Amino acid sequence: MNPLAIQLPASKSISNRLLIIQALCATKFQIDNLSDADDTIDLQRCLNEVESDKLNVGEGATTLRFLLAYLTLLNKSVILDCGQSLRKRPIHELIKVLESLHCEFYFIEGDFKLPLKIIKGISEPIPDLLKIDGSLSSQFISSILLIAPCLNKTLSIEVTGNLVSATYLTMTIQLMRDFGIKILQDRSLITIYKSNYVGKEYRVESDWSAAVFFYALLGLQEKACIYFSGLRKSGLQGDETLITFFEWFGLKSICIEDGIRLEKFNIEIPGSVAFDFTNCPDLFPAIAIFCALNKVNCYFSGLQHLQFKESNRLDIISRFLESQHVRIIRPTQNDGIYYFEMAAIQFNLESAYSSYMDHRIAMAFSLIKWRYPIEIENPEVVSKSFPNYWDEYRKFELAFSN
């Protein structure tokens, strides 16, 4: 069986961290296979225009949070602005931490909202310990971690609250170690020892967050095979855990030279599944829609922070499923288990669905489009993470449609 080659984008999560490391490194180095996602392009542009009086970060949360911490380290007086969707996403926790490092900000339109002006950057004395709440996003911690080696002292960070997306924090720590930084993590305490970034050439692997949509598409076939070049079981990306989930549906991931070969076998699918999204929230839209199309009941946990993404993904997906007669039992506590009775689904689809200007919602609805003639509004929003998604989707369609 000759596999269909699907070209995934490079990981933007890895790419964005590497761009900050590159900017902080005394010896410049080459980043190969840098992501071409909007978020990465925006971060690279802002870093190249760092002498400007005003920077617009676009719609990328990592772009904003990483760049903000970086600029305060440089003590740059600059106005930061962003797109309308990003203005709704939280930065309060990061601002509080930066203020504890003696930064000063002026909020032009409202407290803890963009646009903002950096009045004063980080200055001494630097405290020995910083406390950062990790219950909304691990990006607040990662943004401080990345600049910590440049604070000229050993610094500890205590992570408070129930940490979400812990695998992204692990990614940050591993990449920093790869570039010469000494870090010790002991449960909720992270210590960054006084050290310097050491440059080396680095090649970015393909994005597991993007792969999930083609895993799901292949899972909707009886028997097929595809190949992802540059995708690796490195353990660096938390979304790699999707391998285990899709094994329940007959998908086998085989490591071969420079990629993953994915084979689908026709097996009896489970009647119900359980999955925790705490450390891989980006997988939720695709997996929820995939299970709905297969009428597989779901016990999902770790959904409490999905409201803080590009859209309220939990609410959007839940409202869509309920409109198709799926019964949802919500937990009494935010961090509890949601039950989706997918077996009760009765598809009564409209002709068009909003993407809510959210790239992962658009790609999740493309799974429905595989089986039903629906249109997705603003499909171009996928460029935020996967600019060539529709080209690869049509390639898949031509290969496997009946």
Protein backbone atom coordinates (compact mmCIF):
# COMPACT_ATOMS: atom_id res chain seq x y z
CA MET A 1 0.00 0.00 0.00
CA ASN A 2 1.62 3.27 -1.14
CA PRO A 3 0.95 5.99 1.43
CA LEU A 4 -0.39 9.43 0.54
CA ALA A 5 2.15 12.07 1.59
CA ILE A 6 0.61 14.82 3.74
CA GLN A 7 2.79 17.88 4.31
CA LEU A 8 2.24 19.21 7.82
CA PRO A 9 3.46 22.62 8.99
CA ALA A 10 6.41 22.89 11.34
CA SER A 11 5.49 23.23 15.00
CA LYS A 12 4.73 26.88 15.75
CA SER A 13 5.07 26.20 19.48
CA ILE A 14 8.66 25.08 19.01
CA SER A 15 9.34 27.78 16.43
CA ASN A 16 8.15 30.64 18.63
CA ARG A 17 10.24 29.51 21.58
CA LEU A 18 13.29 29.17 19.34
CA LEU A 19 12.83 32.70 17.98
CA ILE A 20 13.02 34.14 21.50
CA ILE A 21 16.04 31.96 22.33
CA GLN A 22 17.68 33.07 19.09
CA ALA A 23 17.06 36.73 19.96
CA LEU A 24 18.59 36.25 23.42
CA CYS A 25 21.60 34.22 22.29
CA ALA A 26 24.96 36.00 21.96
CA THR A 27 25.95 33.70 19.08
CA LYS A 28 23.34 33.64 16.34
CA PHE A 29 22.25 30.29 14.92
CA GLN A 30 20.16 28.92 12.06
CA ILE A 31 16.62 27.63 12.59
CA ASP A 32 15.68 25.20 9.83
CA ASN A 33 12.08 24.44 8.89
CA LEU A 34 10.71 27.41 10.83
CA SER A 35 6.90 27.47 10.96
CA ASP A 36 5.12 29.55 8.31
CA ALA A 37 2.05 29.98 10.55
CA ASP A 38 0.76 33.53 11.01
CA ASP A 39 1.72 33.51 14.71
CA THR A 40 5.35 32.72 13.94
CA ILE A 41 5.56 35.18 11.05
CA ASP A 42 4.16 37.91 13.32
CA LEU A 43 6.66 37.14 16.09
CA GLN A 44 9.58 37.12 13.66
CA ARG A 45 8.40 40.42 12.16
CA CYS A 46 8.10 42.05 15.60
CA LEU A 47 11.56 40.86 16.62
CA ASN A 48 12.97 42.33 13.40
CA GLU A 49 11.17 45.64 14.06
CA VAL A 50 12.06 45.84 17.75
CA GLU A 51 13.32 49.44 17.36
CA SER A 52 9.85 50.63 16.31
CA ASP A 53 7.68 52.78 18.59
CA LYS A 54 4.62 50.57 18.00
CA LEU A 55 4.28 46.86 17.28
CA ASN A 56 1.19 44.88 16.33
CA VAL A 57 1.47 41.21 17.32
CA GLY A 58 -1.55 40.00 15.31
CA GLU A 59 -3.70 37.29 16.91
CA GLY A 60 -1.08 35.01 18.47
CA ALA A 61 -1.17 34.56 22.24
CA THR A 62 2.38 33.18 22.34
CA THR A 63 3.49 36.04 20.09
CA LEU A 64 2.10 38.58 22.55
CA ARG A 65 3.15 36.91 25.79
CA PHE A 66 6.66 35.94 24.70
CA LEU A 67 7.32 39.30 23.03
CA LEU A 68 6.02 41.32 25.98
CA ALA A 69 8.43 39.64 28.41
CA TYR A 70 11.29 39.97 25.91
CA LEU A 71 10.69 43.72 25.43
CA THR A 72 10.62 44.39 29.17
CA LEU A 73 13.99 42.68 29.43
CA LEU A 74 15.32 45.11 26.80
CA ASN A 75 13.70 48.01 28.68
CA LYS A 76 12.02 49.12 25.45
CA SER A 77 9.39 51.87 25.62
CA VAL A 78 6.95 50.70 22.98
CA ILE A 79 3.22 50.42 22.34
CA LEU A 80 1.97 46.85 21.83
CA ASP A 81 -1.30 46.24 20.02
CA CYS A 82 -3.01 43.16 18.61
CA GLY A 83 -6.04 41.84 16.73
CA GLN A 84 -9.56 42.03 18.16
CA SER A 85 -9.76 38.38 19.18
CA LEU A 86 -6.50 38.46 21.12
CA ARG A 87 -7.62 41.52 23.07
CA LYS A 88 -10.13 39.27 24.85
CA ARG A 89 -7.54 36.78 26.07
CA PRO A 90 -5.99 37.09 29.54
CA ILE A 91 -2.62 38.73 30.24
CA HIS A 92 -3.31 39.84 33.83
CA GLU A 93 -1.12 37.16 35.41
CA LEU A 94 1.86 37.98 33.19
CA ILE A 95 1.50 41.71 33.88
CA LYS A 96 1.48 41.05 37.65
CA VAL A 97 4.69 39.02 37.43
CA LEU A 98 6.42 41.65 35.30
CA GLU A 99 5.34 44.35 37.76
CA SER A 100 7.00 42.34 40.53
CA LEU A 101 10.17 42.77 38.42
CA HIS A 102 9.60 46.56 38.62
CA CYS A 103 8.05 46.96 35.15
CA GLU A 104 5.53 49.75 34.59
CA PHE A 105 2.74 49.80 32.00
CA TYR A 106 0.14 52.25 30.71
CA PHE A 107 -3.10 50.66 29.52
CA ILE A 108 -4.54 52.86 26.79
CA GLU A 109 -8.10 51.48 26.70
CA GLY A 110 -8.55 49.59 29.98
CA ASP A 111 -6.66 47.79 32.74
CA PHE A 112 -4.82 44.63 31.66
CA LYS A 113 -5.97 45.00 28.05
CA LEU A 114 -4.22 45.86 24.83
CA PRO A 115 -3.12 48.23 23.48
CA LEU A 116 -0.59 48.94 26.22
CA LYS A 117 2.60 50.95 26.49
CA ILE A 118 5.68 49.69 28.25
CA ILE A 119 6.82 52.60 30.40
CA LYS A 120 9.64 50.88 32.25
CA GLY A 121 11.28 47.49 31.82
CA ILE A 122 12.78 44.97 34.24
CA SER A 123 15.21 46.42 36.76
CA GLU A 124 17.10 45.34 39.87
CA PRO A 125 16.77 44.16 42.53
CA ILE A 126 15.51 40.88 41.06
CA PRO A 127 13.68 38.75 43.65
CA ASP A 128 14.92 35.24 44.34
CA LEU A 129 11.44 33.73 43.91
CA LEU A 130 8.53 34.49 41.58
CA LYS A 131 5.06 32.97 41.98
CA ILE A 132 3.04 32.43 38.79
CA ASP A 133 -0.48 31.05 38.53
CA GLY A 134 -0.54 28.27 35.94
CA SER A 135 -4.29 27.60 35.94
CA LEU A 136 -5.11 29.81 32.93
CA SER A 137 -2.13 29.21 30.67
CA SER A 138 1.37 27.77 30.89
CA GLN A 139 2.48 30.52 28.48
CA PHE A 140 2.78 33.03 31.33
CA ILE A 141 5.38 30.78 32.95
CA SER A 142 7.16 30.01 29.67
CA SER A 143 7.49 33.70 28.80
CA ILE A 144 9.29 34.40 32.10
CA LEU A 145 11.34 31.21 31.89
CA LEU A 146 12.71 32.15 28.47
CA ILE A 147 14.09 35.49 29.67
CA ALA A 148 15.17 34.28 33.13
CA PRO A 149 18.75 33.32 32.12
CA CYS A 150 19.33 36.96 31.16
CA LEU A 151 18.45 38.31 34.62
CA ASN A 152 22.04 37.69 35.78
CA LYS A 153 21.16 35.58 38.82
CA THR A 154 19.78 32.22 39.86
CA LEU A 155 16.00 32.53 40.00
CA SER A 156 13.22 30.21 41.17
CA ILE A 157 9.64 30.15 39.91
CA GLU A 158 6.87 28.60 41.98
CA VAL A 159 3.92 27.44 39.88
CA THR A 160 0.67 27.94 41.78
CA GLY A 161 -2.84 26.73 40.96
CA ASN A 162 -3.70 23.68 38.89
CA LEU A 163 -1.24 23.86 35.99
CA VAL A 164 -2.77 23.43 32.53
CA SER A 165 -0.89 22.50 29.35
CA ALA A 166 2.04 21.26 31.41
CA THR A 167 3.58 19.61 28.35
CA TYR A 168 4.14 23.05 26.80
CA LEU A 169 6.03 24.10 29.91
CA THR A 170 8.10 20.93 29.59
CA MET A 171 8.79 21.88 25.97
CA THR A 172 10.10 25.28 27.05
CA ILE A 173 12.38 23.75 29.68
CA GLN A 174 13.73 21.11 27.29
CA LEU A 175 14.51 23.65 24.57
CA MET A 176 16.26 25.91 27.07
CA ARG A 177 18.36 22.95 28.22
CA ASP A 178 19.16 22.12 24.59
CA PHE A 179 20.63 25.61 24.27
CA GLY A 180 22.83 25.47 27.36
CA ILE A 181 20.61 26.63 30.22
CA LYS A 182 20.78 24.78 33.53
CA ILE A 183 17.28 24.26 34.95
CA LEU A 184 16.08 22.11 37.81
CA GLN A 185 12.37 21.27 38.12
CA ASP A 186 11.11 19.81 41.39
CA ARG A 187 7.34 19.47 41.19
CA SER A 188 5.94 23.01 41.27
CA LEU A 189 9.31 24.70 41.79
CA ILE A 190 11.53 25.54 38.81
CA THR A 191 15.03 26.90 39.39
CA ILE A 192 16.91 28.60 36.55
CA TYR A 193 20.60 28.80 37.32
CA LYS A 194 22.77 31.64 36.13
CA SER A 195 23.83 30.51 32.65
CA ASN A 196 23.91 31.65 29.03
CA TYR A 197 22.22 30.47 25.86
CA VAL A 198 24.65 28.69 23.53
CA GLY A 199 23.67 28.77 19.85
CA LYS A 200 23.45 25.70 17.65
CA GLU A 201 21.66 24.87 14.41
CA TYR A 202 18.19 23.44 15.01
CA ARG A 203 15.58 21.84 12.76
CA VAL A 204 11.94 22.20 13.82
CA GLU A 205 9.85 19.03 13.69
CA SER A 206 6.36 18.89 12.18
CA ASP A 207 3.33 19.85 14.23
CA TRP A 208 1.33 17.20 16.11
CA SER A 209 -1.45 19.74 16.74
CA ALA A 210 -1.96 19.90 12.99
CA ALA A 211 -1.62 16.13 12.51
CA VAL A 212 -4.74 15.41 14.57
CA PHE A 213 -7.06 16.52 11.76
CA PHE A 214 -5.55 14.02 9.31
CA TYR A 215 -5.53 11.30 11.94
CA ALA A 216 -9.25 11.98 12.28
CA LEU A 217 -9.83 12.04 8.51
CA LEU A 218 -7.99 8.73 8.12
CA GLY A 219 -9.98 7.34 11.04
CA LEU A 220 -13.16 7.97 9.03
CA GLN A 221 -11.93 5.62 6.26
CA GLU A 222 -12.23 1.84 6.26
CA LYS A 223 -8.66 1.15 5.23
CA ALA A 224 -5.96 3.58 4.10
CA CYS A 225 -2.41 4.79 4.63
CA ILE A 226 -0.73 8.21 4.76
CA TYR A 227 2.77 9.52 5.49
CA PHE A 228 3.86 12.61 7.43
CA SER A 229 7.41 13.75 6.72
CA GLY A 230 9.22 15.48 9.56
CA LEU A 231 6.79 14.23 12.22
CA ARG A 232 8.59 12.52 15.09
CA LYS A 233 7.82 10.70 18.33
CA SER A 234 10.28 12.91 20.17
CA GLY A 235 8.18 13.52 23.28
CA LEU A 236 8.70 17.27 22.86
CA GLN A 237 5.11 18.01 21.83
CA GLY A 238 2.35 17.01 24.26
CA ASP A 239 -0.16 16.52 21.46
CA GLU A 240 1.78 13.41 20.47
CA THR A 241 -0.56 11.68 22.93
CA LEU A 242 -3.14 11.55 20.12
CA ILE A 243 -1.35 8.37 18.96
CA THR A 244 -2.82 6.44 21.88
CA PHE A 245 -6.31 7.83 21.37
CA PHE A 246 -6.52 6.88 17.68
CA GLU A 247 -5.15 3.39 18.32
CA TRP A 248 -8.62 2.65 19.72
CA PHE A 249 -9.97 3.31 16.22
CA GLY A 250 -7.55 1.11 14.30
CA LEU A 251 -4.85 3.67 13.48
CA LYS A 252 -1.25 2.49 13.78
CA SER A 253 1.61 5.02 13.86
CA ILE A 254 4.86 3.58 12.52
CA CYS A 255 8.17 5.47 12.86
CA ILE A 256 10.14 5.37 9.62
CA GLU A 257 13.02 7.47 8.31
CA ASP A 258 12.19 11.17 8.69
CA GLY A 259 8.54 10.72 9.50
CA ILE A 260 5.50 8.74 10.55
CA ARG A 261 3.61 6.22 8.45
CA LEU A 262 -0.02 6.03 9.55
CA GLU A 263 -2.10 2.99 8.66
CA LYS A 264 -5.82 2.48 9.23
CA PHE A 265 -7.22 -0.99 9.80
CA ASN A 266 -10.91 -1.75 9.77
CA ILE A 267 -11.70 -2.77 13.36
CA GLU A 268 -14.72 -2.63 15.60
CA ILE A 269 -14.70 0.81 17.18
CA PRO A 270 -15.35 1.27 20.92
CA GLY A 271 -18.78 2.22 22.21
CA SER A 272 -17.30 4.84 24.53
CA VAL A 273 -13.95 6.49 25.25
CA ALA A 274 -12.42 8.58 28.03
CA PHE A 275 -9.78 11.23 27.49
CA ASP A 276 -8.13 13.99 29.54
CA PHE A 277 -7.29 17.20 27.62
CA THR A 278 -5.55 19.01 30.49
CA ASN A 279 -2.16 18.84 28.78
CA CYS A 280 -3.35 18.79 25.17
CA PRO A 281 -6.32 21.20 24.88
CA ASP A 282 -5.78 21.86 21.17
CA LEU A 283 -6.89 18.30 20.40
CA PHE A 284 -10.41 18.77 21.76
CA PRO A 285 -12.26 20.21 18.72
CA ALA A 286 -11.01 17.52 16.33
CA ILE A 287 -11.50 14.60 18.72
CA ALA A 288 -14.99 15.72 19.79
CA ILE A 289 -16.22 16.03 16.19
CA PHE A 290 -14.51 12.76 15.22
CA CYS A 291 -16.30 10.92 18.04
CA ALA A 292 -19.61 12.51 17.05
CA LEU A 293 -19.22 11.31 13.47
CA ASN A 294 -18.53 7.80 14.81
CA LYS A 295 -21.36 8.00 17.41
CA VAL A 296 -18.92 7.11 20.19
CA ASN A 297 -19.92 8.29 23.67
CA CYS A 298 -17.25 10.33 25.44
CA TYR A 299 -16.08 11.04 28.97
CA PHE A 300 -13.89 14.14 28.62
CA SER A 301 -11.96 15.98 31.33
CA GLY A 302 -9.48 18.85 31.35
CA LEU A 303 -11.81 21.15 29.41
CA GLN A 304 -12.09 24.00 31.91
CA HIS A 305 -9.58 26.34 30.24
CA LEU A 306 -10.82 25.99 26.64
CA GLN A 307 -12.80 29.20 27.02
CA PHE A 308 -9.53 31.14 26.98
CA LYS A 309 -8.45 30.07 23.50
CA GLU A 310 -9.03 31.96 20.20
CA SER A 311 -12.71 31.33 20.89
CA ASN A 312 -14.64 29.58 23.64
CA ARG A 313 -14.05 26.20 22.05
CA LEU A 314 -15.90 24.20 24.68
CA ASP A 315 -19.02 26.33 24.30
CA ILE A 316 -18.92 26.36 20.47
CA ILE A 317 -18.43 22.61 20.08
CA SER A 318 -20.98 21.84 22.83
CA ARG A 319 -23.66 24.09 21.32
CA PHE A 320 -23.10 22.55 17.90
CA LEU A 321 -23.39 19.00 19.24
CA GLU A 322 -26.50 19.82 21.26
CA SER A 323 -28.09 21.22 18.10
CA GLN A 324 -27.56 17.72 16.64
CA HIS A 325 -29.36 16.12 19.62
CA VAL A 326 -26.25 15.10 21.55
CA ARG A 327 -26.96 15.03 25.28
CA ILE A 328 -24.22 16.60 27.39
CA ILE A 329 -23.97 16.12 31.14
CA ARG A 330 -21.77 18.83 32.60
CA PRO A 331 -19.82 18.41 35.84
CA THR A 332 -20.72 20.30 38.99
CA GLN A 333 -17.10 21.50 39.20
CA ASN A 334 -15.15 23.20 36.42
CA ASP A 335 -12.42 20.56 36.41
CA GLY A 336 -14.80 17.61 36.39
CA ILE A 337 -15.80 15.12 33.70
CA TYR A 338 -18.12 16.00 30.83
CA TYR A 339 -20.25 13.23 29.33
CA PHE A 340 -21.17 13.51 25.64
CA GLU A 341 -23.82 11.01 24.57
CA MET A 342 -22.74 10.91 20.93
CA ALA A 343 -24.72 7.74 20.19
CA ALA A 344 -27.88 9.84 20.31
CA ILE A 345 -26.72 12.17 17.53
CA GLN A 346 -29.14 12.98 14.72
CA PHE A 347 -27.44 15.15 12.15
CA ASN A 348 -29.70 18.01 11.08
CA LEU A 349 -27.13 20.23 9.43
CA GLU A 350 -27.38 23.75 8.14
CA SER A 351 -25.70 24.78 4.90
CA ALA A 352 -22.97 26.91 6.48
CA TYR A 353 -21.15 27.15 9.80
CA SER A 354 -19.11 29.94 11.31
CA SER A 355 -15.45 29.26 12.02
CA TYR A 356 -15.69 31.90 14.78
CA MET A 357 -12.37 33.12 13.33
CA ASP A 358 -10.75 30.19 15.12
CA HIS A 359 -8.39 28.03 13.05
CA ARG A 360 -9.05 24.85 15.03
CA ILE A 361 -12.82 25.24 14.85
CA ALA A 362 -12.58 25.62 11.05
CA MET A 363 -10.43 22.49 10.75
CA ALA A 364 -12.69 20.53 13.12
CA PHE A 365 -15.74 21.39 11.03
CA SER A 366 -13.83 20.19 7.95
CA LEU A 367 -14.31 16.67 9.35
CA ILE A 368 -18.07 17.16 9.04
CA LYS A 369 -17.55 18.55 5.55
CA TRP A 370 -15.92 15.23 4.63
CA ARG A 371 -19.28 13.49 5.03
CA TYR A 372 -21.85 16.25 4.58
CA PRO A 373 -22.15 19.14 2.08
CA ILE A 374 -21.59 22.06 4.44
CA GLU A 375 -19.66 25.28 3.96
CA ILE A 376 -17.34 26.83 6.52
CA GLU A 377 -17.30 30.61 6.80
CA ASN A 378 -13.91 32.35 6.76
CA PRO A 379 -11.99 29.14 5.99
CA GLU A 380 -8.81 31.18 5.47
CA VAL A 381 -8.48 31.50 9.26
CA VAL A 382 -6.51 28.23 9.22
CA SER A 383 -3.44 30.27 8.24
CA LYS A 384 -2.96 31.02 11.93
CA SER A 385 -1.39 27.58 12.36
CA PHE A 386 -1.69 25.62 9.08
CA PRO A 387 -1.57 27.88 5.97
CA ASN A 388 -1.72 24.98 3.49
CA TYR A 389 -4.47 23.05 5.27
CA TRP A 390 -7.04 23.23 2.50
CA ASP A 391 -4.49 22.18 -0.14
CA GLU A 392 -3.62 19.09 1.90
CA TYR A 393 -7.32 18.46 2.63
CA ARG A 394 -8.12 18.48 -1.12
CA LYS A 395 -5.18 16.15 -1.74
CA PHE A 396 -6.66 13.75 0.82
CA GLU A 397 -10.11 14.18 -0.73
CA LEU A 398 -8.89 13.30 -4.19
CA ALA A 399 -7.09 10.20 -2.91
CA PHE A 400 -9.82 8.73 -0.71
CA SER A 401 -13.25 10.06 -1.73
CA ASN A 402 -15.52 7.46 -3.28
